[in-house]
Amino acid sequence: MNLEVVEWGVPTGILANLSIQPTIFDENKENQVGDVNMDRIREKIKQGKVTDFKIHEDGSLRYKVLIPMKKTWKMEQLAKAYIKKVVRLHGILKDIASDRDYRFLSKFWKNV
């Protein structure tokens, strides 16, 4: 294993070639800048009007989808609810931020 010692804050050698890629949240925030519809939603939120969006601490707008379910539901029922509540309205999503419920992460995707 080759280790390279570098001065703090000064990338050199192999480190100089690395780049940090934006996250999906960075891309969303960048895409929202100057969007007229997003500006209208921000104004509604600032006026105290109820929307399905919230302003995140980084300034981007976030939309939350909650799917009410019972603990006894089988994976097939969860998959059908996901398709009915999310895919029907938004299509297949590129990225999903999950609360990491074990049911969501385990067999769910096999049933969708």
PDB file of N, CA and C in Angstrom:
ATOM      1  N   MET A   1       0.853  -1.178   0.000  1.00  0.00           N
ATOM      2  CA  MET A   1       0.000   0.000   0.000  1.00  0.00           C
ATOM      3  C   MET A   1       0.896   1.237   0.000  1.00  0.00           C
ATOM      4  N   ASN A   2       0.625   2.148  -0.902  1.00  0.00           N
ATOM      5  CA  ASN A   2       1.389   3.393  -0.985  1.00  0.00           C
ATOM      6  C   ASN A   2       0.609   4.502  -0.314  1.00  0.00           C
ATOM      7  N   LEU A   3       1.210   5.148   0.637  1.00  0.00           N
ATOM      8  CA  LEU A   3       0.591   6.285   1.304  1.00  0.00           C
ATOM      9  C   LEU A   3       1.328   7.543   0.909  1.00  0.00           C
ATOM     10  N   GLU A   4       0.589   8.586   0.725  1.00  0.00           N
ATOM     11  CA  GLU A   4       1.174   9.859   0.344  1.00  0.00           C
ATOM     12  C   GLU A   4       0.816  10.888   1.414  1.00  0.00           C
ATOM     13  N   VAL A   5       1.818  11.538   1.972  1.00  0.00           N
ATOM     14  CA  VAL A   5       1.588  12.566   2.984  1.00  0.00           C
ATOM     15  C   VAL A   5       1.568  13.915   2.267  1.00  0.00           C
ATOM     16  N   VAL A   6       0.485  14.658   2.487  1.00  0.00           N
ATOM     17  CA  VAL A   6       0.361  15.958   1.842  1.00  0.00           C
ATOM     18  C   VAL A   6       0.084  17.022   2.886  1.00  0.00           C
ATOM     19  N   GLU A   7       0.359  18.237   2.527  1.00  0.00           N
ATOM     20  CA  GLU A   7       0.098  19.368   3.412  1.00  0.00           C
ATOM     21  C   GLU A   7      -1.404  19.635   3.452  1.00  0.00           C
ATOM     22  N   TRP A   8      -1.928  19.980   4.623  1.00  0.00           N
ATOM     23  CA  TRP A   8      -3.356  20.224   4.807  1.00  0.00           C
ATOM     24  C   TRP A   8      -3.850  21.299   3.854  1.00  0.00           C
ATOM     25  N   GLY A   9      -4.919  21.015   3.142  1.00  0.00           N
ATOM     26  CA  GLY A   9      -5.558  21.997   2.272  1.00  0.00           C
ATOM     27  C   GLY A   9      -4.927  22.144   0.908  1.00  0.00           C
ATOM     28  N   VAL A  10      -3.853  21.435   0.652  1.00  0.00           N
ATOM     29  CA  VAL A  10      -3.183  21.554  -0.641  1.00  0.00           C
ATOM     30  C   VAL A  10      -3.161  20.178  -1.309  1.00  0.00           C
ATOM     31  N   PRO A  11      -4.148  19.871  -2.134  1.00  0.00           N
ATOM     32  CA  PRO A  11      -4.154  18.567  -2.785  1.00  0.00           C
ATOM     33  C   PRO A  11      -3.061  18.466  -3.838  1.00  0.00           C
ATOM     34  N   THR A  12      -2.279  17.414  -3.765  1.00  0.00           N
ATOM     35  CA  THR A  12      -1.216  17.182  -4.742  1.00  0.00           C
ATOM     36  C   THR A  12      -1.237  15.714  -5.140  1.00  0.00           C
ATOM     37  N   GLY A  13      -0.497  15.391  -6.148  1.00  0.00           N
ATOM     38  CA  GLY A  13      -0.379  14.002  -6.572  1.00  0.00           C
ATOM     39  C   GLY A  13      -1.727  13.410  -6.947  1.00  0.00           C
ATOM     40  N   ILE A  14      -1.996  12.231  -6.419  1.00  0.00           N
ATOM     41  CA  ILE A  14      -3.232  11.514  -6.727  1.00  0.00           C
ATOM     42  C   ILE A  14      -4.450  12.311  -6.278  1.00  0.00           C
ATOM     43  N   LEU A  15      -4.366  12.977  -5.136  1.00  0.00           N
ATOM     44  CA  LEU A  15      -5.502  13.730  -4.615  1.00  0.00           C
ATOM     45  C   LEU A  15      -5.909  14.878  -5.528  1.00  0.00           C
ATOM     46  N   ALA A  16      -4.951  15.455  -6.239  1.00  0.00           N
ATOM     47  CA  ALA A  16      -5.258  16.582  -7.119  1.00  0.00           C
ATOM     48  C   ALA A  16      -6.171  16.157  -8.273  1.00  0.00           C
ATOM     49  N   ASN A  17      -6.153  14.878  -8.610  1.00  0.00           N
ATOM     50  CA  ASN A  17      -6.960  14.381  -9.731  1.00  0.00           C
ATOM     51  C   ASN A  17      -8.383  14.022  -9.333  1.00  0.00           C
ATOM     52  N   LEU A  18      -8.666  13.980  -8.033  1.00  0.00           N
ATOM     53  CA  LEU A  18     -10.002  13.614  -7.575  1.00  0.00           C
ATOM     54  C   LEU A  18     -10.949  14.803  -7.667  1.00  0.00           C
ATOM     55  N   SER A  19     -12.197  14.505  -7.974  1.00  0.00           N
ATOM     56  CA  SER A  19     -13.212  15.562  -7.982  1.00  0.00           C
ATOM     57  C   SER A  19     -14.403  15.095  -7.153  1.00  0.00           C
ATOM     58  N   ILE A  20     -15.063  16.032  -6.532  1.00  0.00           N
ATOM     59  CA  ILE A  20     -16.237  15.716  -5.728  1.00  0.00           C
ATOM     60  C   ILE A  20     -17.462  15.919  -6.597  1.00  0.00           C
ATOM     61  N   GLN A  21     -18.243  14.864  -6.734  1.00  0.00           N
ATOM     62  CA  GLN A  21     -19.439  14.917  -7.560  1.00  0.00           C
ATOM     63  C   GLN A  21     -20.605  15.451  -6.739  1.00  0.00           C
ATOM     64  N   PRO A  22     -21.478  16.240  -7.351  1.00  0.00           N
ATOM     65  CA  PRO A  22     -22.641  16.752  -6.605  1.00  0.00           C
ATOM     66  C   PRO A  22     -23.603  15.616  -6.267  1.00  0.00           C
ATOM     67  N   THR A  23     -24.269  15.740  -5.131  1.00  0.00           N
ATOM     68  CA  THR A  23     -25.271  14.754  -4.744  1.00  0.00           C
ATOM     69  C   THR A  23     -26.575  15.081  -5.459  1.00  0.00           C
ATOM     70  N   ILE A  24     -27.529  14.186  -5.356  1.00  0.00           N
ATOM     71  CA  ILE A  24     -28.841  14.427  -5.969  1.00  0.00           C
ATOM     72  C   ILE A  24     -29.485  15.669  -5.358  1.00  0.00           C
ATOM     73  N   PHE A  25     -29.222  15.909  -4.068  1.00  0.00           N
ATOM     74  CA  PHE A  25     -29.792  17.086  -3.415  1.00  0.00           C
ATOM     75  C   PHE A  25     -29.163  18.365  -3.957  1.00  0.00           C
ATOM     76  N   ASP A  26     -27.862  18.336  -4.242  1.00  0.00           N
ATOM     77  CA  ASP A  26     -27.196  19.494  -4.847  1.00  0.00           C
ATOM     78  C   ASP A  26     -27.764  19.771  -6.237  1.00  0.00           C
ATOM     79  N   GLU A  27     -27.971  18.701  -6.994  1.00  0.00           N
ATOM     80  CA  GLU A  27     -28.529  18.855  -8.342  1.00  0.00           C
ATOM     81  C   GLU A  27     -29.942  19.429  -8.286  1.00  0.00           C
ATOM     82  N   ASN A  28     -30.749  18.931  -7.350  1.00  0.00           N
ATOM     83  CA  ASN A  28     -32.114  19.452  -7.206  1.00  0.00           C
ATOM     84  C   ASN A  28     -32.101  20.929  -6.860  1.00  0.00           C
ATOM     85  N   LYS A  29     -31.256  21.304  -5.904  1.00  0.00           N
ATOM     86  CA  LYS A  29     -31.171  22.706  -5.484  1.00  0.00           C
ATOM     87  C   LYS A  29     -30.763  23.589  -6.671  1.00  0.00           C
ATOM     88  N   GLU A  30     -29.778  23.143  -7.428  1.00  0.00           N
ATOM     89  CA  GLU A  30     -29.310  23.904  -8.587  1.00  0.00           C
ATOM     90  C   GLU A  30     -30.408  24.035  -9.647  1.00  0.00           C
ATOM     91  N   ASN A  31     -31.162  22.957  -9.858  1.00  0.00           N
ATOM     92  CA  ASN A  31     -32.237  22.983 -10.855  1.00  0.00           C
ATOM     93  C   ASN A  31     -33.401  23.873 -10.428  1.00  0.00           C
ATOM     94  N   GLN A  32     -33.568  24.082  -9.127  1.00  0.00           N
ATOM     95  CA  GLN A  32     -34.671  24.900  -8.630  1.00  0.00           C
ATOM     96  C   GLN A  32     -34.397  26.395  -8.746  1.00  0.00           C
ATOM     97  N   VAL A  33     -33.139  26.776  -8.856  1.00  0.00           N
ATOM     98  CA  VAL A  33     -32.784  28.193  -8.937  1.00  0.00           C
ATOM     99  C   VAL A  33     -33.366  28.800 -10.208  1.00  0.00           C
ATOM    100  N   GLY A  34     -34.150  29.858 -10.046  1.00  0.00           N
ATOM    101  CA  GLY A  34     -34.723  30.555 -11.188  1.00  0.00           C
ATOM    102  C   GLY A  34     -35.974  29.908 -11.764  1.00  0.00           C
ATOM    103  N   ASP A  35     -36.423  28.799 -11.193  1.00  0.00           N
ATOM    104  CA  ASP A  35     -37.632  28.144 -11.677  1.00  0.00           C
ATOM    105  C   ASP A  35     -38.842  28.906 -11.141  1.00  0.00           C
ATOM    106  N   VAL A  36     -39.667  29.409 -12.039  1.00  0.00           N
ATOM    107  CA  VAL A  36     -40.812  30.247 -11.673  1.00  0.00           C
ATOM    108  C   VAL A  36     -41.782  29.492 -10.765  1.00  0.00           C
ATOM    109  N   ASN A  37     -42.064  28.236 -11.076  1.00  0.00           N
ATOM    110  CA  ASN A  37     -42.992  27.449 -10.260  1.00  0.00           C
ATOM    111  C   ASN A  37     -42.450  27.234  -8.848  1.00  0.00           C
ATOM    112  N   MET A  38     -41.161  26.966  -8.738  1.00  0.00           N
ATOM    113  CA  MET A  38     -40.553  26.778  -7.420  1.00  0.00           C
ATOM    114  C   MET A  38     -40.591  28.081  -6.610  1.00  0.00           C
ATOM    115  N   ASP A  39     -40.395  29.206  -7.294  1.00  0.00           N
ATOM    116  CA  ASP A  39     -40.463  30.506  -6.621  1.00  0.00           C
ATOM    117  C   ASP A  39     -41.867  30.757  -6.075  1.00  0.00           C
ATOM    118  N   ARG A  40     -42.888  30.372  -6.841  1.00  0.00           N
ATOM    119  CA  ARG A  40     -44.273  30.532  -6.372  1.00  0.00           C
ATOM    120  C   ARG A  40     -44.535  29.682  -5.131  1.00  0.00           C
ATOM    121  N   ILE A  41     -44.029  28.463  -5.135  1.00  0.00           N
ATOM    122  CA  ILE A  41     -44.211  27.583  -3.977  1.00  0.00           C
ATOM    123  C   ILE A  41     -43.504  28.166  -2.756  1.00  0.00           C
ATOM    124  N   ARG A  42     -42.294  28.684  -2.950  1.00  0.00           N
ATOM    125  CA  ARG A  42     -41.563  29.310  -1.835  1.00  0.00           C
ATOM    126  C   ARG A  42     -42.360  30.476  -1.247  1.00  0.00           C
ATOM    127  N   GLU A  43     -42.953  31.280  -2.129  1.00  0.00           N
ATOM    128  CA  GLU A  43     -43.754  32.420  -1.668  1.00  0.00           C
ATOM    129  C   GLU A  43     -44.959  31.954  -0.855  1.00  0.00           C
ATOM    130  N   LYS A  44     -45.643  30.914  -1.315  1.00  0.00           N
ATOM    131  CA  LYS A  44     -46.782  30.374  -0.567  1.00  0.00           C
ATOM    132  C   LYS A  44     -46.356  29.918   0.821  1.00  0.00           C
ATOM    133  N   ILE A  45     -45.205  29.259   0.894  1.00  0.00           N
ATOM    134  CA  ILE A  45     -44.708  28.784   2.192  1.00  0.00           C
ATOM    135  C   ILE A  45     -44.403  29.974   3.099  1.00  0.00           C
ATOM    136  N   LYS A  46     -43.757  31.000   2.552  1.00  0.00           N
ATOM    137  CA  LYS A  46     -43.424  32.190   3.350  1.00  0.00           C
ATOM    138  C   LYS A  46     -44.672  32.922   3.826  1.00  0.00           C
ATOM    139  N   GLN A  47     -45.758  32.842   3.039  1.00  0.00           N
ATOM    140  CA  GLN A  47     -47.020  33.483   3.424  1.00  0.00           C
ATOM    141  C   GLN A  47     -47.818  32.631   4.408  1.00  0.00           C
ATOM    142  N   GLY A  48     -47.310  31.451   4.714  1.00  0.00           N
ATOM    143  CA  GLY A  48     -47.993  30.576   5.665  1.00  0.00           C
ATOM    144  C   GLY A  48     -49.071  29.706   5.054  1.00  0.00           C
ATOM    145  N   LYS A  49     -49.153  29.691   3.735  1.00  0.00           N
ATOM    146  CA  LYS A  49     -50.147  28.849   3.074  1.00  0.00           C
ATOM    147  C   LYS A  49     -49.669  27.398   3.085  1.00  0.00           C
ATOM    148  N   VAL A  50     -50.602  26.486   3.174  1.00  0.00           N
ATOM    149  CA  VAL A  50     -50.277  25.066   3.267  1.00  0.00           C
ATOM    150  C   VAL A  50     -49.901  24.522   1.889  1.00  0.00           C
ATOM    151  N   THR A  51     -48.781  23.847   1.816  1.00  0.00           N
ATOM    152  CA  THR A  51     -48.360  23.155   0.603  1.00  0.00           C
ATOM    153  C   THR A  51     -47.804  21.794   1.007  1.00  0.00           C
ATOM    154  N   ASP A  52     -47.599  20.944   0.035  1.00  0.00           N
ATOM    155  CA  ASP A  52     -46.988  19.642   0.294  1.00  0.00           C
ATOM    156  C   ASP A  52     -45.471  19.737   0.347  1.00  0.00           C
ATOM    157  N   PHE A  53     -44.954  20.931   0.122  1.00  0.00           N
ATOM    158  CA  PHE A  53     -43.510  21.135   0.116  1.00  0.00           C
ATOM    159  C   PHE A  53     -43.071  21.771   1.428  1.00  0.00           C
ATOM    160  N   LYS A  54     -41.774  21.670   1.690  1.00  0.00           N
ATOM    161  CA  LYS A  54     -41.176  22.409   2.797  1.00  0.00           C
ATOM    162  C   LYS A  54     -39.826  22.926   2.321  1.00  0.00           C
ATOM    163  N   ILE A  55     -39.379  24.005   2.927  1.00  0.00           N
ATOM    164  CA  ILE A  55     -38.066  24.542   2.589  1.00  0.00           C
ATOM    165  C   ILE A  55     -37.057  23.874   3.504  1.00  0.00           C
ATOM    166  N   HIS A  56     -36.113  23.162   2.915  1.00  0.00           N
ATOM    167  CA  HIS A  56     -35.080  22.458   3.665  1.00  0.00           C
ATOM    168  C   HIS A  56     -34.060  23.464   4.182  1.00  0.00           C
ATOM    169  N   GLU A  57     -33.271  23.055   5.152  1.00  0.00           N
ATOM    170  CA  GLU A  57     -32.283  23.969   5.734  1.00  0.00           C
ATOM    171  C   GLU A  57     -31.245  24.443   4.721  1.00  0.00           C
ATOM    172  N   ASP A  58     -31.043  23.694   3.625  1.00  0.00           N
ATOM    173  CA  ASP A  58     -30.092  24.137   2.602  1.00  0.00           C
ATOM    174  C   ASP A  58     -30.735  25.074   1.576  1.00  0.00           C
ATOM    175  N   GLY A  59     -32.048  25.380   1.756  1.00  0.00           N
ATOM    176  CA  GLY A  59     -32.743  26.313   0.883  1.00  0.00           C
ATOM    177  C   GLY A  59     -33.512  25.657  -0.247  1.00  0.00           C
ATOM    178  N   SER A  60     -33.333  24.372  -0.436  1.00  0.00           N
ATOM    179  CA  SER A  60     -34.057  23.690  -1.513  1.00  0.00           C
ATOM    180  C   SER A  60     -35.448  23.299  -1.044  1.00  0.00           C
ATOM    181  N   LEU A  61     -36.332  23.085  -2.018  1.00  0.00           N
ATOM    182  CA  LEU A  61     -37.685  22.627  -1.707  1.00  0.00           C
ATOM    183  C   LEU A  61     -37.692  21.107  -1.686  1.00  0.00           C
ATOM    184  N   ARG A  62     -38.371  20.548  -0.714  1.00  0.00           N
ATOM    185  CA  ARG A  62     -38.488  19.092  -0.597  1.00  0.00           C
ATOM    186  C   ARG A  62     -39.964  18.724  -0.560  1.00  0.00           C
ATOM    187  N   TYR A  63     -40.274  17.594  -1.152  1.00  0.00           N
ATOM    188  CA  TYR A  63     -41.638  17.085  -1.211  1.00  0.00           C
ATOM    189  C   TYR A  63     -41.647  15.730  -0.519  1.00  0.00           C
ATOM    190  N   LYS A  64     -42.594  15.532   0.356  1.00  0.00           N
ATOM    191  CA  LYS A  64     -42.649  14.298   1.115  1.00  0.00           C
ATOM    192  C   LYS A  64     -43.895  13.512   0.742  1.00  0.00           C
ATOM    193  N   VAL A  65     -43.720  12.219   0.529  1.00  0.00           N
ATOM    194  CA  VAL A  65     -44.834  11.323   0.260  1.00  0.00           C
ATOM    195  C   VAL A  65     -44.916  10.331   1.410  1.00  0.00           C
ATOM    196  N   LEU A  66     -46.021  10.343   2.114  1.00  0.00           N
ATOM    197  CA  LEU A  66     -46.240   9.381   3.187  1.00  0.00           C
ATOM    198  C   LEU A  66     -47.281   8.375   2.721  1.00  0.00           C
ATOM    199  N   ILE A  67     -46.984   7.125   2.924  1.00  0.00           N
ATOM    200  CA  ILE A  67     -47.920   6.072   2.540  1.00  0.00           C
ATOM    201  C   ILE A  67     -48.392   5.384   3.813  1.00  0.00           C
ATOM    202  N   PRO A  68     -49.623   5.654   4.226  1.00  0.00           N
ATOM    203  CA  PRO A  68     -50.119   4.986   5.430  1.00  0.00           C
ATOM    204  C   PRO A  68     -50.235   3.484   5.181  1.00  0.00           C
ATOM    205  N   MET A  69     -49.764   2.708   6.150  1.00  0.00           N
ATOM    206  CA  MET A  69     -49.808   1.260   5.996  1.00  0.00           C
ATOM    207  C   MET A  69     -49.920   0.599   7.359  1.00  0.00           C
ATOM    208  N   LYS A  70     -50.275  -0.661   7.326  1.00  0.00           N
ATOM    209  CA  LYS A  70     -50.364  -1.447   8.551  1.00  0.00           C
ATOM    210  C   LYS A  70     -49.107  -2.301   8.684  1.00  0.00           C
ATOM    211  N   LYS A  71     -48.699  -2.580   9.908  1.00  0.00           N
ATOM    212  CA  LYS A  71     -47.519  -3.408  10.132  1.00  0.00           C
ATOM    213  C   LYS A  71     -47.703  -4.822   9.585  1.00  0.00           C
ATOM    214  N   THR A  72     -48.938  -5.230   9.452  1.00  0.00           N
ATOM    215  CA  THR A  72     -49.218  -6.593   9.001  1.00  0.00           C
ATOM    216  C   THR A  72     -49.232  -6.740   7.481  1.00  0.00           C
ATOM    217  N   TRP A  73     -49.073  -5.636   6.739  1.00  0.00           N
ATOM    218  CA  TRP A  73     -49.096  -5.711   5.289  1.00  0.00           C
ATOM    219  C   TRP A  73     -47.949  -6.570   4.769  1.00  0.00           C
ATOM    220  N   LYS A  74     -48.226  -7.315   3.727  1.00  0.00           N
ATOM    221  CA  LYS A  74     -47.195  -8.104   3.063  1.00  0.00           C
ATOM    222  C   LYS A  74     -46.503  -7.202   2.034  1.00  0.00           C
ATOM    223  N   MET A  75     -45.340  -7.655   1.556  1.00  0.00           N
ATOM    224  CA  MET A  75     -44.561  -6.865   0.607  1.00  0.00           C
ATOM    225  C   MET A  75     -45.359  -6.535  -0.649  1.00  0.00           C
ATOM    226  N   GLU A  76     -46.172  -7.456  -1.102  1.00  0.00           N
ATOM    227  CA  GLU A  76     -46.968  -7.207  -2.304  1.00  0.00           C
ATOM    228  C   GLU A  76     -47.920  -6.026  -2.096  1.00  0.00           C
ATOM    229  N   GLN A  77     -48.516  -5.936  -0.907  1.00  0.00           N
ATOM    230  CA  GLN A  77     -49.417  -4.820  -0.608  1.00  0.00           C
ATOM    231  C   GLN A  77     -48.648  -3.500  -0.556  1.00  0.00           C
ATOM    232  N   LEU A  78     -47.445  -3.519   0.018  1.00  0.00           N
ATOM    233  CA  LEU A  78     -46.614  -2.302   0.067  1.00  0.00           C
ATOM    234  C   LEU A  78     -46.232  -1.855  -1.338  1.00  0.00           C
ATOM    235  N   ALA A  79     -45.862  -2.814  -2.179  1.00  0.00           N
ATOM    236  CA  ALA A  79     -45.477  -2.485  -3.553  1.00  0.00           C
ATOM    237  C   ALA A  79     -46.649  -1.873  -4.308  1.00  0.00           C
ATOM    238  N   LYS A  80     -47.841  -2.430  -4.146  1.00  0.00           N
ATOM    239  CA  LYS A  80     -49.025  -1.882  -4.817  1.00  0.00           C
ATOM    240  C   LYS A  80     -49.330  -0.464  -4.329  1.00  0.00           C
ATOM    241  N   ALA A  81     -49.200  -0.238  -3.008  1.00  0.00           N
ATOM    242  CA  ALA A  81     -49.438   1.104  -2.464  1.00  0.00           C
ATOM    243  C   ALA A  81     -48.414   2.096  -3.008  1.00  0.00           C
ATOM    244  N   TYR A  82     -47.151   1.690  -3.113  1.00  0.00           N
ATOM    245  CA  TYR A  82     -46.096   2.548  -3.657  1.00  0.00           C
ATOM    246  C   TYR A  82     -46.410   2.922  -5.109  1.00  0.00           C
ATOM    247  N   ILE A  83     -46.802   1.935  -5.899  1.00  0.00           N
ATOM    248  CA  ILE A  83     -47.126   2.204  -7.305  1.00  0.00           C
ATOM    249  C   ILE A  83     -48.327   3.134  -7.402  1.00  0.00           C
ATOM    250  N   LYS A  84     -49.343   2.913  -6.562  1.00  0.00           N
ATOM    251  CA  LYS A  84     -50.552   3.727  -6.598  1.00  0.00           C
ATOM    252  C   LYS A  84     -50.294   5.163  -6.132  1.00  0.00           C
ATOM    253  N   LYS A  85     -49.491   5.336  -5.073  1.00  0.00           N
ATOM    254  CA  LYS A  85     -49.294   6.663  -4.479  1.00  0.00           C
ATOM    255  C   LYS A  85     -48.130   7.444  -5.073  1.00  0.00           C
ATOM    256  N   VAL A  86     -47.095   6.760  -5.564  1.00  0.00           N
ATOM    257  CA  VAL A  86     -45.905   7.469  -6.028  1.00  0.00           C
ATOM    258  C   VAL A  86     -45.709   7.326  -7.532  1.00  0.00           C
ATOM    259  N   VAL A  87     -45.582   6.112  -8.007  1.00  0.00           N
ATOM    260  CA  VAL A  87     -45.279   5.900  -9.429  1.00  0.00           C
ATOM    261  C   VAL A  87     -46.373   6.471 -10.319  1.00  0.00           C
ATOM    262  N   ARG A  88     -47.620   6.325  -9.925  1.00  0.00           N
ATOM    263  CA  ARG A  88     -48.737   6.845 -10.718  1.00  0.00           C
ATOM    264  C   ARG A  88     -48.613   8.353 -10.929  1.00  0.00           C
ATOM    265  N   LEU A  89     -48.147   9.070  -9.912  1.00  0.00           N
ATOM    266  CA  LEU A  89     -48.065  10.531 -10.000  1.00  0.00           C
ATOM    267  C   LEU A  89     -46.726  11.033 -10.531  1.00  0.00           C
ATOM    268  N   HIS A  90     -45.635  10.347 -10.176  1.00  0.00           N
ATOM    269  CA  HIS A  90     -44.307  10.880 -10.459  1.00  0.00           C
ATOM    270  C   HIS A  90     -43.455  10.017 -11.378  1.00  0.00           C
ATOM    271  N   GLY A  91     -43.937   8.832 -11.732  1.00  0.00           N
ATOM    272  CA  GLY A  91     -43.137   7.913 -12.535  1.00  0.00           C
ATOM    273  C   GLY A  91     -42.116   7.201 -11.656  1.00  0.00           C
ATOM    274  N   ILE A  92     -41.243   6.450 -12.287  1.00  0.00           N
ATOM    275  CA  ILE A  92     -40.201   5.735 -11.554  1.00  0.00           C
ATOM    276  C   ILE A  92     -39.169   6.768 -11.113  1.00  0.00           C
ATOM    277  N   LEU A  93     -38.901   6.821  -9.823  1.00  0.00           N
ATOM    278  CA  LEU A  93     -37.994   7.820  -9.281  1.00  0.00           C
ATOM    279  C   LEU A  93     -36.540   7.403  -9.439  1.00  0.00           C
ATOM    280  N   LYS A  94     -35.695   8.385  -9.692  1.00  0.00           N
ATOM    281  CA  LYS A  94     -34.263   8.134  -9.839  1.00  0.00           C
ATOM    282  C   LYS A  94     -33.627   7.862  -8.476  1.00  0.00           C
ATOM    283  N   ASP A  95     -33.995   8.619  -7.471  1.00  0.00           N
ATOM    284  CA  ASP A  95     -33.451   8.476  -6.122  1.00  0.00           C
ATOM    285  C   ASP A  95     -34.575   8.582  -5.106  1.00  0.00           C
ATOM    286  N   ILE A  96     -34.435   7.845  -4.020  1.00  0.00           N
ATOM    287  CA  ILE A  96     -35.414   7.872  -2.950  1.00  0.00           C
ATOM    288  C   ILE A  96     -34.682   7.986  -1.624  1.00  0.00           C
ATOM    289  N   ALA A  97     -35.118   8.929  -0.790  1.00  0.00           N
ATOM    290  CA  ALA A  97     -34.602   9.014   0.574  1.00  0.00           C
ATOM    291  C   ALA A  97     -35.608   8.281   1.458  1.00  0.00           C
ATOM    292  N   SER A  98     -35.173   7.212   2.080  1.00  0.00           N
ATOM    293  CA  SER A  98     -36.063   6.369   2.865  1.00  0.00           C
ATOM    294  C   SER A  98     -35.760   6.528   4.352  1.00  0.00           C
ATOM    295  N   ASP A  99     -36.766   6.227   5.170  1.00  0.00           N
ATOM    296  CA  ASP A  99     -36.526   6.230   6.613  1.00  0.00           C
ATOM    297  C   ASP A  99     -35.867   4.929   7.057  1.00  0.00           C
ATOM    298  N   ARG A 100     -35.518   4.106   6.103  1.00  0.00           N
ATOM    299  CA  ARG A 100     -34.814   2.842   6.310  1.00  0.00           C
ATOM    300  C   ARG A 100     -35.614   1.813   7.085  1.00  0.00           C
ATOM    301  N   ASP A 101     -36.892   1.853   6.923  1.00  0.00           N
ATOM    302  CA  ASP A 101     -37.746   0.830   7.500  1.00  0.00           C
ATOM    303  C   ASP A 101     -37.302  -0.515   6.922  1.00  0.00           C
ATOM    304  N   TYR A 102     -37.152  -1.515   7.760  1.00  0.00           N
ATOM    305  CA  TYR A 102     -36.627  -2.796   7.295  1.00  0.00           C
ATOM    306  C   TYR A 102     -37.466  -3.397   6.175  1.00  0.00           C
ATOM    307  N   ARG A 103     -38.779  -3.139   6.197  1.00  0.00           N
ATOM    308  CA  ARG A 103     -39.628  -3.678   5.144  1.00  0.00           C
ATOM    309  C   ARG A 103     -39.352  -2.992   3.820  1.00  0.00           C
ATOM    310  N   PHE A 104     -39.053  -1.706   3.868  1.00  0.00           N
ATOM    311  CA  PHE A 104     -38.792  -0.956   2.639  1.00  0.00           C
ATOM    312  C   PHE A 104     -37.487  -1.409   2.002  1.00  0.00           C
ATOM    313  N   LEU A 105     -36.502  -1.696   2.823  1.00  0.00           N
ATOM    314  CA  LEU A 105     -35.183  -2.035   2.293  1.00  0.00           C
ATOM    315  C   LEU A 105     -35.017  -3.510   1.945  1.00  0.00           C
ATOM    316  N   SER A 106     -35.831  -4.368   2.486  1.00  0.00           N
ATOM    317  CA  SER A 106     -35.598  -5.790   2.285  1.00  0.00           C
ATOM    318  C   SER A 106     -36.224  -6.316   1.006  1.00  0.00           C
ATOM    319  N   LYS A 107     -37.408  -6.867   1.098  1.00  0.00           N
ATOM    320  CA  LYS A 107     -38.034  -7.546  -0.035  1.00  0.00           C
ATOM    321  C   LYS A 107     -38.896  -6.631  -0.895  1.00  0.00           C
ATOM    322  N   PHE A 108     -39.029  -5.379  -0.495  1.00  0.00           N
ATOM    323  CA  PHE A 108     -39.927  -4.445  -1.186  1.00  0.00           C
ATOM    324  C   PHE A 108     -39.624  -4.356  -2.670  1.00  0.00           C
ATOM    325  N   TRP A 109     -38.364  -4.060  -3.008  1.00  0.00           N
ATOM    326  CA  TRP A 109     -38.014  -3.800  -4.402  1.00  0.00           C
ATOM    327  C   TRP A 109     -38.207  -5.026  -5.284  1.00  0.00           C
ATOM    328  N   LYS A 110     -38.131  -6.209  -4.696  1.00  0.00           N
ATOM    329  CA  LYS A 110     -38.358  -7.418  -5.485  1.00  0.00           C
ATOM    330  C   LYS A 110     -39.819  -7.516  -5.906  1.00  0.00           C
ATOM    331  N   ASN A 111     -40.696  -6.911  -5.117  1.00  0.00           N
ATOM    332  CA  ASN A 111     -42.131  -6.976  -5.411  1.00  0.00           C
ATOM    333  C   ASN A 111     -42.611  -5.850  -6.315  1.00  0.00           C
ATOM    334  N   VAL A 112     -41.845  -4.811  -6.464  1.00  0.00           N
ATOM    335  CA  VAL A 112     -42.234  -3.704  -7.339  1.00  0.00           C
ATOM    336  C   VAL A 112     -41.920  -4.114  -8.732  1.00  0.00           C
TER     337      VAL A 112
END
